[in-house]
Amino acid sequence: MDIVSVNIARPRPNPWKEARTTGIDKRPVDGPVAVSAPDPDTPGAAGLAGDLIGDVRNHGGPDQAVYAYAREDLDAWAGEWGMPLAHGTFGENLTTRGLDVNGARIGERWRIGADVVLEVSCPRIPCGTFQGWLERDGWIKRFTRDSRPGAYLRVVTAGQVRAGDPVRIEHRPRHDVTVALVFRAVTLEPELLPRLLVADALPEDIRKAAHRRARA
C-alpha cells in the first residue's frame, strides 16, 4: 500500500457555486509536502501546505483536512468513460494504491511514511462543483449510486508526505462502520443512520443526524 501521488490545488474560478474560487483542480507535486491539522477556528483550512479550499462553508477544516481516493477506482472510471484520468482528477490530495479506501472504517488510522498519521473521518459527498469540473451531466447521481466516494481524513500526527510513501494501517476499530456505509446512510439509505452511532470518530454533524434518525 502506498501513495501514488500527492496533489495540490491550482486555484481557478468556480462558475458552479456561489464561492468564487475552487481548489478542485489538483495536480501532482514533486517532493515532500507538509501536513498538519488545520486550525479549527479558520473556516475551510486545508491540511496540506499550499492547498486551497474555495467553498469554505462546506469543505476543509479538521474533519476534512485531507482527501484520499484510490487509483484503482480512478482506473475503473477511466475504463467506463474510455479516457485516461490523471492523479488528482477527482480533487483528491492523496492518490493511493493497494488501499481499500472505501472499506476503511471510521476512526481507522493510517501511517504514511515515517511520521504522518491520518484518521479516517467521513466520505466525500459530491457537489455541483465536482459535476461541473468533470463536465458530466448526471454525475452526482451516478457517483452516489456507485458508493465509491473516497475518504476524508483528520491529521493526528503532522509531518511530510510524498509520492511513493508506504501506507500502513496502525489502528482499525472493531465496529463495521466503513466509509462506504456512511456514504450510503447520508445519501440514499437514511435508514442506515442509526448503525453509525457505534463509530465514535464520526464528525459531529453526521452523529447528530444519526441520533435524530434513531429517535424517530
C-alpha atoms as a PDB file:
ATOM      1  CA  MET A   1       0.000   0.000   0.000  1.00  0.00           C
ATOM      2  CA  ASP A   2       1.446   3.360  -0.927  1.00  0.00           C
ATOM      3  CA  ILE A   3       0.833   6.917  -2.055  1.00  0.00           C
ATOM      4  CA  VAL A   4       0.997   7.158  -5.833  1.00  0.00           C
ATOM      5  CA  SER A   5       0.674  10.931  -5.943  1.00  0.00           C
ATOM      6  CA  VAL A   6       0.354  13.960  -3.657  1.00  0.00           C
ATOM      7  CA  ASN A   7      -1.843  16.596  -5.264  1.00  0.00           C
ATOM      8  CA  ILE A   8      -2.230  20.317  -4.510  1.00  0.00           C
ATOM      9  CA  ALA A   9      -4.865  22.725  -5.814  1.00  0.00           C
ATOM     10  CA  ARG A  10      -4.406  25.175  -8.617  1.00  0.00           C
ATOM     11  CA  PRO A  11      -6.946  27.925  -7.919  1.00  0.00           C
ATOM     12  CA  ARG A  12      -9.455  28.543 -10.669  1.00  0.00           C
ATOM     13  CA  PRO A  13     -12.785  30.398 -10.989  1.00  0.00           C
ATOM     14  CA  ASN A  14     -15.842  28.465  -9.838  1.00  0.00           C
ATOM     15  CA  PRO A  15     -18.862  29.049 -12.106  1.00  0.00           C
ATOM     16  CA  TRP A  16     -20.819  26.225 -10.428  1.00  0.00           C
ATOM     17  CA  LYS A  17     -21.254  27.691  -6.930  1.00  0.00           C
ATOM     18  CA  GLU A  18     -21.500  30.980  -5.090  1.00  0.00           C
ATOM     19  CA  ALA A  19     -17.891  30.527  -3.980  1.00  0.00           C
ATOM     20  CA  ARG A  20     -15.802  32.443  -6.497  1.00  0.00           C
ATOM     21  CA  THR A  21     -12.785  30.139  -6.405  1.00  0.00           C
ATOM     22  CA  THR A  22     -12.402  26.372  -6.312  1.00  0.00           C
ATOM     23  CA  GLY A  23      -9.499  24.141  -5.389  1.00  0.00           C
ATOM     24  CA  ILE A  24     -10.858  21.042  -7.123  1.00  0.00           C
ATOM     25  CA  ASP A  25      -8.186  21.244  -9.834  1.00  0.00           C
ATOM     26  CA  LYS A  26      -5.453  19.360  -8.010  1.00  0.00           C
ATOM     27  CA  ARG A  27      -2.149  18.491  -9.667  1.00  0.00           C
ATOM     28  CA  PRO A  28       0.694  16.172  -8.624  1.00  0.00           C
ATOM     29  CA  VAL A  29       3.667  17.818  -6.966  1.00  0.00           C
ATOM     30  CA  ASP A  30       7.268  16.673  -6.684  1.00  0.00           C
ATOM     31  CA  GLY A  31       9.000  16.359  -3.361  1.00  0.00           C
ATOM     32  CA  PRO A  32       7.678  16.414   0.199  1.00  0.00           C
ATOM     33  CA  VAL A  33       4.555  18.318   1.261  1.00  0.00           C
ATOM     34  CA  ALA A  34       3.962  19.400   4.857  1.00  0.00           C
ATOM     35  CA  VAL A  35       0.826  18.004   6.506  1.00  0.00           C
ATOM     36  CA  SER A  36      -0.662  19.472   9.685  1.00  0.00           C
ATOM     37  CA  ALA A  37      -4.020  19.699  11.429  1.00  0.00           C
ATOM     38  CA  PRO A  38      -5.978  22.746  10.230  1.00  0.00           C
ATOM     39  CA  ASP A  39      -6.844  25.470  12.701  1.00  0.00           C
ATOM     40  CA  PRO A  40     -10.451  24.723  13.774  1.00  0.00           C
ATOM     41  CA  ASP A  41     -11.114  28.461  14.026  1.00  0.00           C
ATOM     42  CA  THR A  42     -10.121  29.078  10.396  1.00  0.00           C
ATOM     43  CA  PRO A  43     -13.030  28.173   8.077  1.00  0.00           C
ATOM     44  CA  GLY A  44     -12.018  25.959   5.195  1.00  0.00           C
ATOM     45  CA  ALA A  45      -8.424  25.491   6.312  1.00  0.00           C
ATOM     46  CA  ALA A  46      -6.551  22.711   4.495  1.00  0.00           C
ATOM     47  CA  GLY A  47      -4.280  20.019   5.880  1.00  0.00           C
ATOM     48  CA  LEU A  48      -1.638  20.132   3.134  1.00  0.00           C
ATOM     49  CA  ALA A  49       0.641  23.126   2.787  1.00  0.00           C
ATOM     50  CA  GLY A  50      -0.153  25.090  -0.348  1.00  0.00           C
ATOM     51  CA  ASP A  51      -3.577  23.544  -0.864  1.00  0.00           C
ATOM     52  CA  LEU A  52      -6.722  25.631  -1.339  1.00  0.00           C
ATOM     53  CA  ILE A  53     -10.313  25.262  -0.164  1.00  0.00           C
ATOM     54  CA  GLY A  54     -12.634  27.515  -2.173  1.00  0.00           C
ATOM     55  CA  ASP A  55     -16.019  26.678  -0.628  1.00  0.00           C
ATOM     56  CA  VAL A  56     -15.068  27.260   2.997  1.00  0.00           C
ATOM     57  CA  ARG A  57     -18.640  26.784   4.233  1.00  0.00           C
ATOM     58  CA  ASN A  58     -18.798  23.154   3.125  1.00  0.00           C
ATOM     59  CA  HIS A  59     -15.225  21.921   2.826  1.00  0.00           C
ATOM     60  CA  GLY A  60     -11.995  21.873   4.774  1.00  0.00           C
ATOM     61  CA  GLY A  61     -11.359  22.034   8.499  1.00  0.00           C
ATOM     62  CA  PRO A  62     -10.114  19.328  10.889  1.00  0.00           C
ATOM     63  CA  ASP A  63     -12.586  16.624   9.762  1.00  0.00           C
ATOM     64  CA  GLN A  64     -11.805  17.200   6.079  1.00  0.00           C
ATOM     65  CA  ALA A  65      -8.128  18.051   6.276  1.00  0.00           C
ATOM     66  CA  VAL A  66      -7.011  15.562   3.602  1.00  0.00           C
ATOM     67  CA  TYR A  67      -8.957  13.762   0.870  1.00  0.00           C
ATOM     68  CA  ALA A  68      -7.833  10.343  -0.401  1.00  0.00           C
ATOM     69  CA  TYR A  69      -9.038   8.476  -3.476  1.00  0.00           C
ATOM     70  CA  ALA A  70      -7.875   5.112  -4.780  1.00  0.00           C
ATOM     71  CA  ARG A  71      -6.006   4.855  -8.069  1.00  0.00           C
ATOM     72  CA  GLU A  72      -7.888   1.622  -8.675  1.00  0.00           C
ATOM     73  CA  ASP A  73     -11.204   3.497  -8.558  1.00  0.00           C
ATOM     74  CA  LEU A  74      -9.925   6.211 -10.881  1.00  0.00           C
ATOM     75  CA  ASP A  75      -8.877   3.457 -13.293  1.00  0.00           C
ATOM     76  CA  ALA A  76     -12.348   1.901 -13.117  1.00  0.00           C
ATOM     77  CA  TRP A  77     -13.982   5.226 -14.018  1.00  0.00           C
ATOM     78  CA  ALA A  78     -11.415   5.746 -16.777  1.00  0.00           C
ATOM     79  CA  GLY A  79     -12.383   2.373 -18.253  1.00  0.00           C
ATOM     80  CA  GLU A  80     -16.070   3.243 -18.113  1.00  0.00           C
ATOM     81  CA  TRP A  81     -15.534   6.624 -19.744  1.00  0.00           C
ATOM     82  CA  GLY A  82     -12.970   5.420 -22.275  1.00  0.00           C
ATOM     83  CA  MET A  83     -10.406   8.085 -21.353  1.00  0.00           C
ATOM     84  CA  PRO A  84      -7.395   8.370 -19.046  1.00  0.00           C
ATOM     85  CA  LEU A  85      -7.776  10.089 -15.673  1.00  0.00           C
ATOM     86  CA  ALA A  86      -4.735  11.747 -14.156  1.00  0.00           C
ATOM     87  CA  HIS A  87      -3.854  11.643 -10.477  1.00  0.00           C
ATOM     88  CA  GLY A  88      -5.856  14.345  -8.699  1.00  0.00           C
ATOM     89  CA  THR A  89      -8.718  14.397 -11.234  1.00  0.00           C
ATOM     90  CA  PHE A  90     -11.330  13.854  -8.519  1.00  0.00           C
ATOM     91  CA  GLY A  91      -9.843  16.622  -6.401  1.00  0.00           C
ATOM     92  CA  GLU A  92      -8.018  14.219  -4.115  1.00  0.00           C
ATOM     93  CA  ASN A  93      -4.924  15.228  -2.172  1.00  0.00           C
ATOM     94  CA  LEU A  94      -3.652  11.657  -1.947  1.00  0.00           C
ATOM     95  CA  THR A  95      -3.991   9.139  -4.751  1.00  0.00           C
ATOM     96  CA  THR A  96      -3.490   5.744  -3.107  1.00  0.00           C
ATOM     97  CA  ARG A  97      -2.615   2.288  -4.386  1.00  0.00           C
ATOM     98  CA  GLY A  98      -3.416  -1.052  -2.779  1.00  0.00           C
ATOM     99  CA  LEU A  99      -5.523   0.519  -0.031  1.00  0.00           C
ATOM    100  CA  ASP A 100      -9.254  -0.174   0.427  1.00  0.00           C
ATOM    101  CA  VAL A 101     -10.226   3.457   0.909  1.00  0.00           C
ATOM    102  CA  ASN A 102     -13.997   2.943   0.782  1.00  0.00           C
ATOM    103  CA  GLY A 103     -13.805  -0.122   3.004  1.00  0.00           C
ATOM    104  CA  ALA A 104     -11.806   1.773   5.619  1.00  0.00           C
ATOM    105  CA  ARG A 105     -13.534   2.086   8.975  1.00  0.00           C
ATOM    106  CA  ILE A 106     -14.329   5.408  10.577  1.00  0.00           C
ATOM    107  CA  GLY A 107     -11.556   6.047  13.099  1.00  0.00           C
ATOM    108  CA  GLU A 108      -9.075   3.847  11.227  1.00  0.00           C
ATOM    109  CA  ARG A 109      -5.568   5.290  11.344  1.00  0.00           C
ATOM    110  CA  TRP A 110      -3.009   5.228   8.566  1.00  0.00           C
ATOM    111  CA  ARG A 111       0.696   5.852   8.999  1.00  0.00           C
ATOM    112  CA  ILE A 112       2.123   7.408   5.849  1.00  0.00           C
ATOM    113  CA  GLY A 113       5.862   7.363   5.530  1.00  0.00           C
ATOM    114  CA  ALA A 114       7.815   7.740   8.748  1.00  0.00           C
ATOM    115  CA  ASP A 115       5.867  10.397  10.603  1.00  0.00           C
ATOM    116  CA  VAL A 116       2.383  11.279   9.363  1.00  0.00           C
ATOM    117  CA  VAL A 117      -0.661   9.621  10.926  1.00  0.00           C
ATOM    118  CA  LEU A 118      -4.111  10.298   9.467  1.00  0.00           C
ATOM    119  CA  GLU A 119      -7.512   9.183  10.781  1.00  0.00           C
ATOM    120  CA  VAL A 120     -10.464   8.281   8.563  1.00  0.00           C
ATOM    121  CA  SER A 121     -13.378  10.603   9.402  1.00  0.00           C
ATOM    122  CA  CYS A 122     -16.077  10.514   6.700  1.00  0.00           C
ATOM    123  CA  PRO A 123     -16.827  10.108   2.975  1.00  0.00           C
ATOM    124  CA  ARG A 124     -16.769  12.809   0.359  1.00  0.00           C
ATOM    125  CA  ILE A 125     -20.255  13.977  -0.646  1.00  0.00           C
ATOM    126  CA  PRO A 126     -20.474  15.082  -4.309  1.00  0.00           C
ATOM    127  CA  CYS A 127     -21.462  18.649  -5.121  1.00  0.00           C
ATOM    128  CA  GLY A 128     -22.155  20.868  -8.116  1.00  0.00           C
ATOM    129  CA  THR A 129     -18.519  21.889  -8.411  1.00  0.00           C
ATOM    130  CA  PHE A 130     -17.484  18.240  -8.758  1.00  0.00           C
ATOM    131  CA  GLN A 131     -20.034  17.661 -11.532  1.00  0.00           C
ATOM    132  CA  GLY A 132     -19.177  20.881 -13.318  1.00  0.00           C
ATOM    133  CA  TRP A 133     -15.446  20.217 -13.123  1.00  0.00           C
ATOM    134  CA  LEU A 134     -15.809  16.797 -14.739  1.00  0.00           C
ATOM    135  CA  GLU A 135     -18.315  18.118 -17.317  1.00  0.00           C
ATOM    136  CA  ARG A 136     -20.556  15.075 -16.975  1.00  0.00           C
ATOM    137  CA  ASP A 137     -24.324  15.521 -16.812  1.00  0.00           C
ATOM    138  CA  GLY A 138     -25.927  13.463 -14.080  1.00  0.00           C
ATOM    139  CA  TRP A 139     -22.575  12.846 -12.435  1.00  0.00           C
ATOM    140  CA  ILE A 140     -23.771  13.480  -8.867  1.00  0.00           C
ATOM    141  CA  LYS A 141     -26.427  10.759  -9.177  1.00  0.00           C
ATOM    142  CA  ARG A 142     -24.029   8.364 -10.894  1.00  0.00           C
ATOM    143  CA  PHE A 143     -21.288   8.888  -8.312  1.00  0.00           C
ATOM    144  CA  THR A 144     -23.785   8.477  -5.478  1.00  0.00           C
ATOM    145  CA  ARG A 145     -25.185   5.206  -6.814  1.00  0.00           C
ATOM    146  CA  ASP A 146     -21.681   3.791  -7.138  1.00  0.00           C
ATOM    147  CA  SER A 147     -20.754   4.360  -3.461  1.00  0.00           C
ATOM    148  CA  ARG A 148     -17.008   4.762  -4.031  1.00  0.00           C
ATOM    149  CA  PRO A 149     -16.705   8.243  -2.517  1.00  0.00           C
ATOM    150  CA  GLY A 150     -13.161   8.244  -1.206  1.00  0.00           C
ATOM    151  CA  ALA A 151     -12.289   9.261   2.339  1.00  0.00           C
ATOM    152  CA  TYR A 152     -11.692  12.470   4.230  1.00  0.00           C
ATOM    153  CA  LEU A 153      -9.040  12.233   6.922  1.00  0.00           C
ATOM    154  CA  ARG A 154      -8.005  14.101  10.046  1.00  0.00           C
ATOM    155  CA  VAL A 155      -4.374  14.818  10.839  1.00  0.00           C
ATOM    156  CA  VAL A 156      -3.333  13.026  14.045  1.00  0.00           C
ATOM    157  CA  THR A 157       0.432  13.436  13.671  1.00  0.00           C
ATOM    158  CA  ALA A 158       1.937  16.126  11.460  1.00  0.00           C
ATOM    159  CA  GLY A 159       4.888  15.641   9.161  1.00  0.00           C
ATOM    160  CA  GLN A 160       5.619  15.378   5.458  1.00  0.00           C
ATOM    161  CA  VAL A 161       4.213  13.179   2.703  1.00  0.00           C
ATOM    162  CA  ARG A 162       5.474  12.500  -0.779  1.00  0.00           C
ATOM    163  CA  ALA A 163       4.705  10.209  -3.696  1.00  0.00           C
ATOM    164  CA  GLY A 164       5.996   6.725  -3.031  1.00  0.00           C
ATOM    165  CA  ASP A 165       5.474   6.818   0.728  1.00  0.00           C
ATOM    166  CA  PRO A 166       4.258   3.484   2.107  1.00  0.00           C
ATOM    167  CA  VAL A 167       0.933   3.350   3.956  1.00  0.00           C
ATOM    168  CA  ARG A 168       0.427   1.126   6.988  1.00  0.00           C
ATOM    169  CA  ILE A 169      -2.834   0.678   8.872  1.00  0.00           C
ATOM    170  CA  GLU A 170      -1.901   1.320  12.510  1.00  0.00           C
ATOM    171  CA  HIS A 171      -5.335   1.003  14.069  1.00  0.00           C
ATOM    172  CA  ARG A 172      -8.627  -0.447  12.875  1.00  0.00           C
ATOM    173  CA  PRO A 173     -11.714  -0.084  15.118  1.00  0.00           C
ATOM    174  CA  ARG A 174     -13.770  -3.153  15.917  1.00  0.00           C
ATOM    175  CA  HIS A 175     -17.019  -1.713  14.585  1.00  0.00           C
ATOM    176  CA  ASP A 176     -18.169  -2.251  10.970  1.00  0.00           C
ATOM    177  CA  VAL A 177     -18.886   1.372  10.027  1.00  0.00           C
ATOM    178  CA  THR A 178     -16.984   1.940   6.797  1.00  0.00           C
ATOM    179  CA  VAL A 179     -16.616   4.981   4.581  1.00  0.00           C
ATOM    180  CA  ALA A 180     -18.966   3.381   2.046  1.00  0.00           C
ATOM    181  CA  LEU A 181     -21.593   2.617   4.711  1.00  0.00           C
ATOM    182  CA  VAL A 182     -21.590   6.196   5.978  1.00  0.00           C
ATOM    183  CA  PHE A 183     -21.902   7.446   2.417  1.00  0.00           C
ATOM    184  CA  ARG A 184     -24.931   5.272   1.750  1.00  0.00           C
ATOM    185  CA  ALA A 185     -26.515   6.299   5.055  1.00  0.00           C
ATOM    186  CA  VAL A 186     -26.218  10.043   4.425  1.00  0.00           C
ATOM    187  CA  THR A 187     -27.284   9.865   0.778  1.00  0.00           C
ATOM    188  CA  LEU A 188     -29.640   7.131  -0.447  1.00  0.00           C
ATOM    189  CA  GLU A 189     -30.281   4.933   2.590  1.00  0.00           C
ATOM    190  CA  PRO A 190     -31.038   7.070   5.683  1.00  0.00           C
ATOM    191  CA  GLU A 191     -32.465   4.034   7.442  1.00  0.00           C
ATOM    192  CA  LEU A 192     -28.825   3.036   7.967  1.00  0.00           C
ATOM    193  CA  LEU A 193     -28.023   6.133  10.026  1.00  0.00           C
ATOM    194  CA  PRO A 194     -28.555   4.570  13.487  1.00  0.00           C
ATOM    195  CA  ARG A 195     -25.927   1.937  12.644  1.00  0.00           C
ATOM    196  CA  LEU A 196     -23.314   4.677  12.503  1.00  0.00           C
ATOM    197  CA  LEU A 197     -23.543   5.570  16.181  1.00  0.00           C
ATOM    198  CA  VAL A 198     -21.049   2.884  17.211  1.00  0.00           C
ATOM    199  CA  ALA A 199     -18.315   4.867  15.417  1.00  0.00           C
ATOM    200  CA  ASP A 200     -17.014   7.386  17.944  1.00  0.00           C
ATOM    201  CA  ALA A 201     -14.830   9.162  15.374  1.00  0.00           C
ATOM    202  CA  LEU A 202     -17.746  10.339  13.219  1.00  0.00           C
ATOM    203  CA  PRO A 203     -17.930  14.098  12.554  1.00  0.00           C
ATOM    204  CA  GLU A 204     -20.443  15.812  14.806  1.00  0.00           C
ATOM    205  CA  ASP A 205     -22.912  16.736  12.049  1.00  0.00           C
ATOM    206  CA  ILE A 206     -23.254  13.108  10.912  1.00  0.00           C
ATOM    207  CA  ARG A 207     -23.519  11.903  14.503  1.00  0.00           C
ATOM    208  CA  LYS A 208     -26.356  14.360  15.146  1.00  0.00           C
ATOM    209  CA  ALA A 209     -28.201  13.140  12.029  1.00  0.00           C
ATOM    210  CA  ALA A 210     -27.796   9.554  13.207  1.00  0.00           C
ATOM    211  CA  HIS A 211     -29.177  10.419  16.645  1.00  0.00           C
ATOM    212  CA  ARG A 212     -32.182  12.155  15.100  1.00  0.00           C
ATOM    213  CA  ARG A 213     -32.924   9.138  12.939  1.00  0.00           C
ATOM    214  CA  ALA A 214     -32.522   6.772  15.891  1.00  0.00           C
ATOM    215  CA  ARG A 215     -35.080   8.772  17.891  1.00  0.00           C
ATOM    216  CA  ALA A 216     -37.570   8.988  15.039  1.00  0.00           C
END
